[in-house]
Every structure is written in structure tokens, then in C-alpha cells.
N, C-alpha and C. Protein backbone atom coordinates (compact mmCIF):
# COMPACT_ATOMS: atom_id res chain seq x y z
N MET A 1 -13.09 -12.58 39.18
CA MET A 1 -11.78 -12.83 38.56
C MET A 1 -11.07 -11.51 38.29
N ASP A 2 -9.77 -11.50 38.54
CA ASP A 2 -8.95 -10.33 38.25
C ASP A 2 -8.98 -10.05 36.75
N LEU A 3 -9.19 -8.77 36.38
CA LEU A 3 -9.35 -8.43 34.96
C LEU A 3 -8.07 -8.64 34.16
N THR A 4 -6.92 -8.50 34.79
CA THR A 4 -5.65 -8.76 34.10
C THR A 4 -5.55 -10.23 33.72
N GLU A 5 -5.94 -11.09 34.66
CA GLU A 5 -5.94 -12.53 34.38
C GLU A 5 -6.98 -12.86 33.31
N ALA A 6 -8.16 -12.22 33.41
CA ALA A 6 -9.22 -12.46 32.43
C ALA A 6 -8.76 -12.09 31.03
N LYS A 7 -8.03 -10.97 30.93
CA LYS A 7 -7.53 -10.53 29.61
C LYS A 7 -6.54 -11.55 29.06
N SER A 8 -5.70 -12.10 29.90
CA SER A 8 -4.72 -13.11 29.46
C SER A 8 -5.42 -14.38 29.00
N ILE A 9 -6.49 -14.75 29.70
CA ILE A 9 -7.25 -15.94 29.31
C ILE A 9 -7.90 -15.72 27.95
N ILE A 10 -8.50 -14.54 27.77
CA ILE A 10 -9.12 -14.20 26.49
C ILE A 10 -8.11 -14.30 25.36
N GLU A 11 -6.93 -13.73 25.59
CA GLU A 11 -5.88 -13.75 24.58
C GLU A 11 -5.47 -15.19 24.26
N ALA A 12 -5.31 -16.01 25.28
CA ALA A 12 -4.87 -17.40 25.09
C ALA A 12 -5.91 -18.19 24.30
N VAL A 13 -7.17 -18.01 24.64
CA VAL A 13 -8.25 -18.77 23.98
C VAL A 13 -8.36 -18.37 22.51
N ILE A 14 -8.34 -17.08 22.24
CA ILE A 14 -8.44 -16.61 20.85
C ILE A 14 -7.23 -17.05 20.04
N PHE A 15 -6.05 -16.99 20.65
CA PHE A 15 -4.81 -17.41 19.99
C PHE A 15 -4.86 -18.89 19.63
N ALA A 16 -5.38 -19.71 20.54
CA ALA A 16 -5.39 -21.16 20.35
C ALA A 16 -6.49 -21.65 19.42
N SER A 17 -7.52 -20.85 19.24
CA SER A 17 -8.68 -21.28 18.45
C SER A 17 -8.42 -21.17 16.95
N ASN A 18 -8.88 -22.17 16.20
CA ASN A 18 -8.79 -22.14 14.74
C ASN A 18 -9.91 -21.33 14.11
N GLU A 19 -10.91 -20.99 14.91
CA GLU A 19 -12.07 -20.25 14.42
C GLU A 19 -12.28 -19.01 15.29
N PRO A 20 -13.00 -18.01 14.76
CA PRO A 20 -13.31 -16.83 15.58
C PRO A 20 -14.05 -17.22 16.85
N VAL A 21 -13.73 -16.54 17.94
CA VAL A 21 -14.37 -16.79 19.24
C VAL A 21 -15.26 -15.60 19.55
N SER A 22 -16.53 -15.85 19.81
CA SER A 22 -17.48 -14.77 20.05
C SER A 22 -17.36 -14.23 21.47
N ALA A 23 -17.87 -13.01 21.66
CA ALA A 23 -17.89 -12.40 22.99
C ALA A 23 -18.75 -13.24 23.94
N ASP A 24 -19.83 -13.82 23.43
CA ASP A 24 -20.69 -14.67 24.25
C ASP A 24 -19.92 -15.88 24.79
N GLN A 25 -19.14 -16.52 23.91
CA GLN A 25 -18.36 -17.69 24.33
C GLN A 25 -17.35 -17.30 25.41
N LEU A 26 -16.68 -16.18 25.20
CA LEU A 26 -15.69 -15.73 26.18
C LEU A 26 -16.34 -15.36 27.50
N ALA A 27 -17.48 -14.69 27.41
CA ALA A 27 -18.19 -14.27 28.62
C ALA A 27 -18.62 -15.47 29.46
N ARG A 28 -19.11 -16.52 28.78
CA ARG A 28 -19.51 -17.73 29.51
C ARG A 28 -18.31 -18.41 30.14
N LEU A 29 -17.19 -18.41 29.42
CA LEU A 29 -16.00 -19.09 29.90
C LEU A 29 -15.44 -18.45 31.18
N ILE A 30 -15.31 -17.13 31.16
CA ILE A 30 -14.67 -16.46 32.30
C ILE A 30 -15.68 -15.79 33.24
N GLU A 31 -16.96 -16.02 32.95
CA GLU A 31 -18.04 -15.55 33.82
C GLU A 31 -18.01 -14.05 34.04
N LEU A 32 -17.90 -13.32 32.91
CA LEU A 32 -18.00 -11.87 32.92
C LEU A 32 -19.05 -11.46 31.89
N ASP A 33 -19.54 -10.23 31.99
CA ASP A 33 -20.54 -9.77 31.03
C ASP A 33 -19.87 -9.43 29.70
N ASN A 34 -20.68 -9.42 28.63
CA ASN A 34 -20.17 -9.17 27.28
C ASN A 34 -19.46 -7.82 27.16
N GLU A 35 -20.00 -6.81 27.81
CA GLU A 35 -19.42 -5.47 27.74
C GLU A 35 -17.99 -5.46 28.27
N THR A 36 -17.76 -6.16 29.39
CA THR A 36 -16.42 -6.23 29.97
C THR A 36 -15.48 -7.00 29.05
N VAL A 37 -15.99 -8.10 28.50
CA VAL A 37 -15.18 -8.89 27.57
C VAL A 37 -14.76 -8.04 26.37
N GLU A 38 -15.70 -7.31 25.79
CA GLU A 38 -15.40 -6.48 24.63
C GLU A 38 -14.40 -5.37 24.98
N GLN A 39 -14.49 -4.85 26.20
CA GLN A 39 -13.53 -3.84 26.65
C GLN A 39 -12.13 -4.43 26.77
N LEU A 40 -12.03 -5.65 27.29
CA LEU A 40 -10.73 -6.31 27.42
C LEU A 40 -10.14 -6.63 26.05
N VAL A 41 -11.00 -7.04 25.12
CA VAL A 41 -10.54 -7.29 23.75
C VAL A 41 -10.02 -6.00 23.13
N SER A 42 -10.74 -4.91 23.36
CA SER A 42 -10.32 -3.60 22.84
C SER A 42 -8.95 -3.21 23.41
N GLU A 43 -8.73 -3.49 24.69
CA GLU A 43 -7.43 -3.19 25.31
C GLU A 43 -6.32 -4.00 24.66
N LEU A 44 -6.59 -5.28 24.36
CA LEU A 44 -5.60 -6.12 23.69
C LEU A 44 -5.28 -5.56 22.30
N GLN A 45 -6.33 -5.15 21.59
CA GLN A 45 -6.13 -4.59 20.26
C GLN A 45 -5.24 -3.35 20.32
N GLN A 46 -5.50 -2.49 21.30
CA GLN A 46 -4.70 -1.26 21.46
C GLN A 46 -3.25 -1.59 21.83
N GLU A 47 -3.06 -2.61 22.67
CA GLU A 47 -1.71 -3.01 23.06
C GLU A 47 -0.93 -3.50 21.86
N TYR A 48 -1.58 -4.30 21.00
CA TYR A 48 -0.91 -4.81 19.79
C TYR A 48 -0.53 -3.65 18.87
N ASP A 49 -1.42 -2.66 18.77
CA ASP A 49 -1.15 -1.50 17.91
C ASP A 49 -0.02 -0.64 18.48
N THR A 50 -0.10 -0.38 19.78
CA THR A 50 0.89 0.49 20.43
C THR A 50 2.29 -0.11 20.37
N THR A 51 2.40 -1.42 20.56
CA THR A 51 3.71 -2.08 20.55
C THR A 51 4.12 -2.53 19.16
N ARG A 52 3.29 -2.17 18.17
CA ARG A 52 3.59 -2.48 16.75
C ARG A 52 3.88 -3.96 16.53
N ARG A 53 2.99 -4.80 17.07
CA ARG A 53 3.14 -6.24 16.89
C ARG A 53 2.88 -6.61 15.42
N SER A 54 3.42 -7.73 14.98
CA SER A 54 3.22 -8.17 13.60
C SER A 54 1.85 -8.81 13.40
N PHE A 55 1.13 -8.99 14.51
CA PHE A 55 -0.21 -9.58 14.44
C PHE A 55 -1.22 -8.61 15.06
N GLN A 56 -2.48 -8.90 14.80
CA GLN A 56 -3.55 -8.06 15.31
C GLN A 56 -4.74 -8.92 15.69
N MET A 57 -5.65 -8.35 16.46
CA MET A 57 -6.88 -9.05 16.80
C MET A 57 -8.02 -8.35 16.05
N ILE A 58 -8.69 -9.10 15.20
CA ILE A 58 -9.76 -8.53 14.38
C ILE A 58 -11.10 -9.15 14.72
N GLU A 59 -12.17 -8.45 14.36
CA GLU A 59 -13.51 -8.99 14.50
C GLU A 59 -13.96 -9.48 13.14
N VAL A 60 -14.28 -10.77 13.05
CA VAL A 60 -14.67 -11.38 11.78
C VAL A 60 -15.65 -12.51 12.06
N ALA A 61 -16.65 -12.65 11.18
CA ALA A 61 -17.64 -13.73 11.31
C ALA A 61 -18.24 -13.79 12.72
N ASN A 62 -18.59 -12.62 13.26
CA ASN A 62 -19.24 -12.51 14.57
C ASN A 62 -18.38 -13.03 15.72
N GLY A 63 -17.06 -12.92 15.57
CA GLY A 63 -16.17 -13.34 16.63
C GLY A 63 -14.82 -12.63 16.51
N PHE A 64 -13.89 -12.99 17.37
CA PHE A 64 -12.57 -12.37 17.37
C PHE A 64 -11.52 -13.40 16.98
N GLN A 65 -10.51 -12.94 16.25
CA GLN A 65 -9.45 -13.83 15.78
C GLN A 65 -8.13 -13.07 15.72
N ILE A 66 -7.04 -13.76 16.02
CA ILE A 66 -5.72 -13.17 15.91
C ILE A 66 -5.12 -13.55 14.56
N CYS A 67 -4.63 -12.57 13.84
CA CYS A 67 -4.04 -12.84 12.53
C CYS A 67 -2.88 -11.88 12.28
N THR A 68 -2.02 -12.21 11.31
CA THR A 68 -0.90 -11.34 10.98
C THR A 68 -1.40 -10.10 10.25
N ARG A 69 -0.62 -9.05 10.31
CA ARG A 69 -0.99 -7.79 9.64
C ARG A 69 -0.70 -7.88 8.14
N ASP A 70 -1.46 -7.10 7.37
CA ASP A 70 -1.36 -7.14 5.92
C ASP A 70 0.04 -6.85 5.40
N GLU A 71 0.75 -5.95 6.08
CA GLU A 71 2.06 -5.54 5.56
C GLU A 71 3.11 -6.66 5.60
N TYR A 72 2.80 -7.76 6.29
CA TYR A 72 3.74 -8.88 6.34
C TYR A 72 3.33 -10.03 5.42
N ALA A 73 2.30 -9.79 4.63
CA ALA A 73 1.77 -10.86 3.77
C ALA A 73 2.82 -11.37 2.79
N SER A 74 3.60 -10.47 2.18
CA SER A 74 4.58 -10.91 1.18
C SER A 74 5.66 -11.78 1.81
N TRP A 75 6.06 -11.47 3.05
CA TRP A 75 7.08 -12.28 3.73
C TRP A 75 6.54 -13.67 4.05
N ILE A 76 5.29 -13.71 4.44
CA ILE A 76 4.67 -15.01 4.75
C ILE A 76 4.54 -15.84 3.48
N ARG A 77 4.16 -15.19 2.37
CA ARG A 77 4.06 -15.91 1.09
C ARG A 77 5.42 -16.47 0.69
N ASP A 78 6.46 -15.67 0.87
CA ASP A 78 7.81 -16.12 0.50
C ASP A 78 8.27 -17.30 1.35
N PHE A 79 7.79 -17.36 2.57
CA PHE A 79 8.18 -18.45 3.47
C PHE A 79 7.67 -19.79 2.97
N TYR A 80 6.46 -19.79 2.45
CA TYR A 80 5.88 -21.02 1.94
C TYR A 80 6.27 -21.23 0.48
N THR A 81 6.51 -22.44 0.11
CA THR A 81 6.97 -22.73 -1.25
C THR A 81 5.84 -22.81 -2.26
N THR A 82 4.63 -22.96 -1.79
CA THR A 82 3.48 -23.00 -2.70
C THR A 82 2.42 -22.03 -2.21
N GLU A 83 1.62 -21.56 -3.12
CA GLU A 83 0.54 -20.65 -2.76
C GLU A 83 -0.60 -21.41 -2.10
N ILE A 84 -1.39 -20.67 -1.37
CA ILE A 84 -2.55 -21.26 -0.71
C ILE A 84 -3.48 -21.84 -1.75
N SER A 85 -3.90 -23.10 -1.54
CA SER A 85 -4.69 -23.80 -2.55
C SER A 85 -6.14 -23.34 -2.63
N SER A 86 -6.52 -22.45 -1.73
CA SER A 86 -7.93 -22.04 -1.68
C SER A 86 -8.26 -20.92 -2.66
N ARG A 87 -7.33 -20.51 -3.51
CA ARG A 87 -7.61 -19.44 -4.47
C ARG A 87 -8.74 -19.88 -5.40
N LEU A 88 -9.65 -18.99 -5.65
CA LEU A 88 -10.81 -19.31 -6.48
C LEU A 88 -10.67 -18.69 -7.86
N SER A 89 -11.20 -19.37 -8.87
CA SER A 89 -11.17 -18.86 -10.24
C SER A 89 -12.18 -17.72 -10.37
N VAL A 90 -12.08 -16.98 -11.47
CA VAL A 90 -13.03 -15.89 -11.73
C VAL A 90 -14.45 -16.45 -11.84
N SER A 91 -14.59 -17.62 -12.48
CA SER A 91 -15.91 -18.25 -12.62
C SER A 91 -16.50 -18.59 -11.25
N ALA A 92 -15.65 -19.13 -10.38
CA ALA A 92 -16.13 -19.49 -9.04
C ALA A 92 -16.49 -18.24 -8.25
N LEU A 93 -15.69 -17.17 -8.39
CA LEU A 93 -15.98 -15.92 -7.69
C LEU A 93 -17.28 -15.31 -8.19
N GLU A 94 -17.51 -15.41 -9.50
CA GLU A 94 -18.74 -14.87 -10.08
C GLU A 94 -19.96 -15.60 -9.51
N ALA A 95 -19.91 -16.93 -9.49
CA ALA A 95 -21.01 -17.71 -8.94
C ALA A 95 -21.18 -17.44 -7.45
N LEU A 96 -20.06 -17.30 -6.73
CA LEU A 96 -20.10 -17.04 -5.30
C LEU A 96 -20.73 -15.67 -5.01
N ALA A 97 -20.44 -14.69 -5.86
CA ALA A 97 -21.04 -13.36 -5.70
C ALA A 97 -22.55 -13.43 -5.86
N ILE A 98 -23.00 -14.20 -6.86
CA ILE A 98 -24.44 -14.35 -7.09
C ILE A 98 -25.11 -14.98 -5.87
N ILE A 99 -24.49 -16.03 -5.35
CA ILE A 99 -25.06 -16.72 -4.19
C ILE A 99 -25.08 -15.80 -2.98
N ALA A 100 -23.98 -15.06 -2.76
CA ALA A 100 -23.89 -14.18 -1.60
C ALA A 100 -24.99 -13.11 -1.61
N TYR A 101 -25.26 -12.55 -2.80
CA TYR A 101 -26.23 -11.45 -2.89
C TYR A 101 -27.67 -11.92 -3.07
N ARG A 102 -27.86 -13.11 -3.64
CA ARG A 102 -29.21 -13.56 -3.95
C ARG A 102 -29.71 -14.66 -3.01
N GLN A 103 -28.88 -15.13 -2.09
CA GLN A 103 -29.28 -16.26 -1.26
C GLN A 103 -30.56 -16.00 -0.49
N PRO A 104 -31.39 -17.05 -0.34
CA PRO A 104 -31.22 -18.41 -0.85
C PRO A 104 -31.51 -18.47 -2.35
N VAL A 105 -30.72 -19.26 -3.10
CA VAL A 105 -30.81 -19.27 -4.55
C VAL A 105 -30.59 -20.68 -5.07
N THR A 106 -31.28 -21.04 -6.15
CA THR A 106 -31.15 -22.37 -6.74
C THR A 106 -30.10 -22.37 -7.85
N ARG A 107 -29.68 -23.57 -8.26
CA ARG A 107 -28.71 -23.70 -9.36
C ARG A 107 -29.27 -23.07 -10.63
N ALA A 108 -30.57 -23.31 -10.91
CA ALA A 108 -31.18 -22.76 -12.12
C ALA A 108 -31.14 -21.23 -12.12
N GLU A 109 -31.38 -20.64 -10.95
CA GLU A 109 -31.35 -19.17 -10.85
C GLU A 109 -29.93 -18.64 -11.05
N ILE A 110 -28.94 -19.37 -10.54
CA ILE A 110 -27.54 -18.98 -10.73
C ILE A 110 -27.19 -19.05 -12.21
N GLU A 111 -27.60 -20.14 -12.87
CA GLU A 111 -27.28 -20.32 -14.29
C GLU A 111 -28.01 -19.31 -15.17
N GLU A 112 -29.19 -18.91 -14.75
CA GLU A 112 -29.93 -17.89 -15.52
C GLU A 112 -29.17 -16.57 -15.53
N ILE A 113 -28.55 -16.24 -14.40
CA ILE A 113 -27.77 -15.00 -14.31
C ILE A 113 -26.44 -15.13 -15.05
N ARG A 114 -25.76 -16.27 -14.85
CA ARG A 114 -24.44 -16.46 -15.45
C ARG A 114 -24.51 -16.78 -16.94
N GLY A 115 -25.58 -17.44 -17.34
CA GLY A 115 -25.74 -17.80 -18.74
C GLY A 115 -24.97 -19.05 -19.14
N VAL A 116 -24.42 -19.76 -18.17
CA VAL A 116 -23.67 -21.00 -18.46
C VAL A 116 -23.96 -22.03 -17.37
N ASN A 117 -23.67 -23.31 -17.69
CA ASN A 117 -23.82 -24.38 -16.73
C ASN A 117 -22.91 -24.13 -15.53
N SER A 118 -23.45 -24.33 -14.34
CA SER A 118 -22.69 -23.99 -13.13
C SER A 118 -22.42 -25.18 -12.23
N ASP A 119 -22.63 -26.40 -12.73
CA ASP A 119 -22.41 -27.59 -11.91
C ASP A 119 -20.99 -27.65 -11.35
N SER A 120 -20.01 -27.39 -12.22
CA SER A 120 -18.62 -27.52 -11.81
C SER A 120 -18.23 -26.51 -10.73
N VAL A 121 -18.62 -25.23 -10.93
CA VAL A 121 -18.24 -24.22 -9.94
C VAL A 121 -18.97 -24.43 -8.62
N LEU A 122 -20.23 -24.88 -8.69
CA LEU A 122 -20.96 -25.16 -7.45
C LEU A 122 -20.29 -26.31 -6.69
N HIS A 123 -19.84 -27.32 -7.43
CA HIS A 123 -19.14 -28.45 -6.79
C HIS A 123 -17.87 -27.95 -6.10
N THR A 124 -17.13 -27.07 -6.80
CA THR A 124 -15.90 -26.51 -6.23
C THR A 124 -16.20 -25.71 -4.97
N LEU A 125 -17.22 -24.86 -5.02
CA LEU A 125 -17.57 -24.02 -3.87
C LEU A 125 -18.04 -24.85 -2.68
N LEU A 126 -18.76 -25.94 -2.98
CA LEU A 126 -19.19 -26.85 -1.90
C LEU A 126 -17.98 -27.55 -1.28
N GLU A 127 -17.03 -27.98 -2.13
CA GLU A 127 -15.83 -28.64 -1.63
C GLU A 127 -14.99 -27.71 -0.76
N ARG A 128 -14.94 -26.44 -1.15
CA ARG A 128 -14.15 -25.46 -0.39
C ARG A 128 -14.91 -24.93 0.82
N ASN A 129 -16.15 -25.40 1.00
CA ASN A 129 -16.99 -24.98 2.13
C ASN A 129 -17.31 -23.49 2.09
N MET A 130 -17.34 -22.91 0.88
CA MET A 130 -17.75 -21.52 0.71
C MET A 130 -19.28 -21.39 0.73
N ILE A 131 -19.96 -22.46 0.27
CA ILE A 131 -21.42 -22.47 0.25
C ILE A 131 -21.92 -23.79 0.83
N LYS A 132 -23.21 -23.83 1.12
CA LYS A 132 -23.83 -25.07 1.60
C LYS A 132 -25.27 -25.13 1.12
N VAL A 133 -25.83 -26.32 1.11
CA VAL A 133 -27.25 -26.52 0.81
C VAL A 133 -28.02 -26.20 2.07
N ILE A 134 -28.93 -25.22 1.97
CA ILE A 134 -29.65 -24.81 3.17
C ILE A 134 -31.12 -25.25 3.17
N GLY A 135 -31.50 -26.02 2.15
CA GLY A 135 -32.86 -26.52 2.08
C GLY A 135 -33.28 -26.79 0.65
N ARG A 136 -34.57 -26.89 0.44
CA ARG A 136 -35.13 -27.08 -0.90
C ARG A 136 -36.25 -26.09 -1.12
N LYS A 137 -36.35 -25.59 -2.33
CA LYS A 137 -37.37 -24.61 -2.66
C LYS A 137 -38.71 -25.31 -2.84
N ARG A 138 -39.76 -24.68 -2.33
CA ARG A 138 -41.09 -25.25 -2.50
C ARG A 138 -41.58 -24.93 -3.91
N ALA A 139 -41.08 -25.72 -4.84
CA ALA A 139 -41.39 -25.56 -6.27
C ALA A 139 -41.30 -26.93 -6.91
N PRO A 140 -41.83 -27.08 -8.15
CA PRO A 140 -41.74 -28.38 -8.82
C PRO A 140 -40.31 -28.92 -8.84
N GLY A 141 -40.16 -30.17 -8.44
CA GLY A 141 -38.84 -30.78 -8.39
C GLY A 141 -38.09 -30.50 -7.10
N LYS A 142 -38.60 -29.59 -6.29
CA LYS A 142 -37.96 -29.21 -5.03
C LYS A 142 -36.44 -29.03 -5.18
N PRO A 143 -36.01 -28.06 -6.02
CA PRO A 143 -34.58 -27.88 -6.23
C PRO A 143 -33.88 -27.42 -4.96
N MET A 144 -32.61 -27.84 -4.82
CA MET A 144 -31.81 -27.43 -3.67
C MET A 144 -31.52 -25.93 -3.75
N ILE A 145 -31.47 -25.30 -2.60
CA ILE A 145 -31.13 -23.88 -2.54
C ILE A 145 -29.85 -23.71 -1.74
N TYR A 146 -29.05 -22.73 -2.19
CA TYR A 146 -27.72 -22.55 -1.63
C TYR A 146 -27.60 -21.22 -0.88
N GLY A 147 -26.69 -21.22 0.09
CA GLY A 147 -26.36 -20.02 0.83
C GLY A 147 -24.88 -20.08 1.20
N THR A 148 -24.35 -18.97 1.68
CA THR A 148 -22.94 -18.93 2.06
C THR A 148 -22.73 -19.48 3.47
N THR A 149 -21.48 -19.73 3.80
CA THR A 149 -21.12 -20.35 5.09
C THR A 149 -20.28 -19.39 5.94
N THR A 150 -20.00 -19.80 7.16
CA THR A 150 -19.09 -19.05 8.01
C THR A 150 -17.70 -19.01 7.39
N GLU A 151 -17.32 -20.09 6.72
CA GLU A 151 -16.01 -20.14 6.04
C GLU A 151 -15.92 -19.05 4.98
N PHE A 152 -17.05 -18.75 4.32
CA PHE A 152 -17.09 -17.67 3.33
C PHE A 152 -16.75 -16.33 3.99
N LEU A 153 -17.35 -16.08 5.16
CA LEU A 153 -17.07 -14.83 5.88
C LEU A 153 -15.59 -14.77 6.28
N LEU A 154 -15.06 -15.89 6.76
CA LEU A 154 -13.66 -15.94 7.16
C LEU A 154 -12.73 -15.68 5.97
N HIS A 155 -13.04 -16.32 4.85
CA HIS A 155 -12.19 -16.23 3.66
C HIS A 155 -12.05 -14.79 3.19
N PHE A 156 -13.16 -14.02 3.28
CA PHE A 156 -13.15 -12.66 2.78
C PHE A 156 -13.05 -11.60 3.89
N GLY A 157 -12.87 -12.07 5.14
CA GLY A 157 -12.68 -11.15 6.25
C GLY A 157 -13.88 -10.28 6.55
N LEU A 158 -15.07 -10.87 6.47
CA LEU A 158 -16.31 -10.12 6.72
C LEU A 158 -16.88 -10.47 8.09
N ARG A 159 -17.41 -9.47 8.78
CA ARG A 159 -18.08 -9.75 10.05
C ARG A 159 -19.40 -10.48 9.80
N ASP A 160 -20.15 -9.98 8.81
CA ASP A 160 -21.41 -10.58 8.42
C ASP A 160 -21.73 -10.13 7.00
N LEU A 161 -22.88 -10.55 6.47
CA LEU A 161 -23.22 -10.27 5.08
C LEU A 161 -23.48 -8.79 4.81
N SER A 162 -23.72 -8.02 5.86
CA SER A 162 -23.96 -6.58 5.66
C SER A 162 -22.69 -5.88 5.17
N GLU A 163 -21.53 -6.53 5.33
CA GLU A 163 -20.27 -5.92 4.91
C GLU A 163 -19.87 -6.30 3.48
N LEU A 164 -20.77 -6.97 2.75
CA LEU A 164 -20.48 -7.31 1.36
C LEU A 164 -20.20 -6.04 0.56
N PRO A 165 -19.22 -6.08 -0.35
CA PRO A 165 -18.91 -4.88 -1.15
C PRO A 165 -20.01 -4.58 -2.15
N SER A 166 -20.00 -3.36 -2.69
CA SER A 166 -20.99 -2.98 -3.70
C SER A 166 -20.66 -3.65 -5.01
N ILE A 167 -21.62 -3.63 -5.95
CA ILE A 167 -21.41 -4.21 -7.27
C ILE A 167 -20.22 -3.55 -7.97
N ASP A 168 -20.09 -2.23 -7.84
CA ASP A 168 -18.97 -1.51 -8.45
C ASP A 168 -17.63 -2.03 -7.92
N GLU A 169 -17.58 -2.30 -6.60
CA GLU A 169 -16.35 -2.80 -6.01
C GLU A 169 -16.03 -4.21 -6.51
N ILE A 170 -17.07 -5.03 -6.68
CA ILE A 170 -16.87 -6.39 -7.20
C ILE A 170 -16.33 -6.33 -8.62
N GLU A 171 -16.93 -5.46 -9.45
CA GLU A 171 -16.46 -5.33 -10.83
C GLU A 171 -15.01 -4.87 -10.86
N SER A 172 -14.65 -3.99 -9.94
CA SER A 172 -13.27 -3.50 -9.88
C SER A 172 -12.31 -4.64 -9.51
N MET A 173 -12.72 -5.49 -8.54
CA MET A 173 -11.89 -6.61 -8.12
C MET A 173 -11.72 -7.63 -9.23
N LEU A 174 -12.83 -7.90 -9.97
CA LEU A 174 -12.78 -8.89 -11.04
C LEU A 174 -12.16 -8.33 -12.30
N GLY A 175 -12.08 -7.00 -12.39
CA GLY A 175 -11.52 -6.37 -13.58
C GLY A 175 -12.43 -6.50 -14.78
N THR A 176 -13.73 -6.66 -14.55
CA THR A 176 -14.68 -6.81 -15.64
C THR A 176 -16.03 -6.28 -15.22
N SER A 177 -16.89 -6.07 -16.17
CA SER A 177 -18.24 -5.61 -15.89
C SER A 177 -19.19 -6.79 -15.85
N LEU A 178 -19.97 -6.90 -14.80
CA LEU A 178 -20.95 -7.97 -14.71
C LEU A 178 -22.17 -7.61 -15.55
N GLN A 179 -22.43 -8.42 -16.58
CA GLN A 179 -23.56 -8.13 -17.46
C GLN A 179 -24.88 -8.24 -16.73
N HIS A 180 -24.94 -9.19 -15.80
CA HIS A 180 -26.17 -9.39 -15.02
C HIS A 180 -25.81 -9.33 -13.55
N PRO A 181 -25.58 -8.13 -13.02
CA PRO A 181 -25.12 -8.04 -11.64
C PRO A 181 -26.10 -8.66 -10.65
N PRO A 182 -25.58 -9.39 -9.66
CA PRO A 182 -26.46 -9.99 -8.66
C PRO A 182 -27.06 -8.92 -7.77
N GLU A 183 -28.35 -8.99 -7.55
CA GLU A 183 -29.01 -8.04 -6.67
C GLU A 183 -29.53 -8.78 -5.46
N PRO A 184 -29.49 -8.14 -4.29
CA PRO A 184 -29.95 -8.82 -3.08
C PRO A 184 -31.39 -9.30 -3.22
N THR A 185 -31.64 -10.52 -2.76
CA THR A 185 -32.99 -11.06 -2.79
C THR A 185 -33.86 -10.37 -1.77
N ARG A 186 -35.08 -10.04 -2.16
CA ARG A 186 -36.01 -9.42 -1.21
C ARG A 186 -36.52 -10.48 -0.25
N THR A 187 -36.77 -10.08 0.98
CA THR A 187 -37.26 -11.00 1.99
C THR A 187 -38.53 -11.67 1.52
N GLY A 188 -38.57 -12.99 1.62
CA GLY A 188 -39.76 -13.72 1.24
C GLY A 188 -39.78 -14.11 -0.22
N GLU A 189 -38.77 -13.74 -1.01
CA GLU A 189 -38.77 -14.04 -2.43
C GLU A 189 -38.57 -15.53 -2.67
N ALA A 190 -37.84 -16.19 -1.78
CA ALA A 190 -37.64 -17.63 -1.91
C ALA A 190 -38.13 -18.30 -0.64
N GLU A 191 -38.68 -19.49 -0.80
CA GLU A 191 -39.15 -20.24 0.35
C GLU A 191 -38.22 -21.39 0.61
N ILE A 192 -37.95 -21.63 1.86
CA ILE A 192 -37.03 -22.69 2.23
C ILE A 192 -37.80 -23.78 2.95
N GLY A 193 -37.64 -25.01 2.45
CA GLY A 193 -38.20 -26.15 3.14
C GLY A 193 -37.07 -26.89 3.82
N GLY A 194 -37.40 -27.80 4.73
CA GLY A 194 -36.36 -28.59 5.34
C GLY A 194 -35.64 -29.40 4.29
N GLY A 195 -34.36 -29.57 4.42
CA GLY A 195 -33.65 -30.31 3.39
C GLY A 195 -32.24 -30.65 3.80
N ASP A 196 -31.48 -31.04 2.79
CA ASP A 196 -30.12 -31.47 3.03
C ASP A 196 -29.27 -30.31 3.49
N GLU A 197 -28.24 -30.60 4.25
CA GLU A 197 -27.24 -29.61 4.62
C GLU A 197 -25.88 -30.22 4.48
N THR A 198 -24.91 -29.39 4.10
CA THR A 198 -23.55 -29.89 4.01
C THR A 198 -22.72 -29.27 5.09
């Protein structure tokens, strides 16, 4: 396939998709190797930058997506009469931070860190598809354990969990000090059994 045509196909597919499209998916579609696909994506990114387009192609959640540039955010907000309904409360962000850094984690473990009942915020996060049930802990009562979703990565513009901000950065964003900062769970600290998924 002609590489110019391949680049146009890549652009069309990423533009039309509601979710990030991985290099593997694109490579299978146009029957080229991943390296060539990534080079064509890089060329598109440079073209958007050089021509100062209002949109850009970013890498997020292990795939590529076309989105508007940050400097046009205020104009886009003004265009819509209501704010995006997906805004999360400080309580929900606090619980989400704990889950992101400690996953897999149970409700009891979240509440131990937060010091308050977390049923409501967990329900909200499940409804917003920020978290999901990834199994049950091999412990008395077999409590459900939670982890983050691809939607979580998309919402915060992360490629993967390795790009999570530091505790200091989280405290700066929340404008408060976390009394019990979430620390990453060590491998093997929690056991996952087969269980429900949302």
C-alpha cells in the first residue's frame, strides 16, 4: 500500500473512533508493521503542529486519539451551555487516587485510609466507569476488589498507570494535604480470585 494513502487511512480511522486506536489495530488494518504505523502517526502529529491546527493527535491509554488543543478549551466551554457532567467531587477524587495507587483494593481498605464510609463515592465511580470490580479477595467474606479502567486513563489523559502523578502533585491539585497518602501496592500484596466484573 502507498504510504500516503496509508497515512490518510490512519488519520480517518483515528478521527472516526470514539476510543484510542492502538498501533497494533492500525497495523492489522492496513497490513503494515507497527514501526511504520508509528512513523506515519508521528508525521501526522508534526503536520498538525507545523500547520498550527486547533487539534492534535496524542498517545493516551495505549492508543492514539485526535483531540482539540488545550489553548482552545475556554472557547469550547463557552460554546456549550452546561459544563461536562463528568466532573468529580474532591471525595470521589480522593477515593479514586487511593484505588489508582493501591489497586487491587477492597472497600474496607479504602475506608481505612479515608476514615469515612465510601459506599457513595464507590457507587459514583462505578457509574462513571472510572473503576470496576476486578475480582474478589481470598479472605473471609471474599470482599470485592477494585481497580481503575481504561476510561480512567482517558479521563486524566494518561498512557498507562506509570504516568500517575506523585503524591505532592495530587496534594497540589486537591489544594490539601492527604493525611494518609495512598502508596502503591507491592506486587503480591493482594490476591485476586475470579469474580464479578463491571
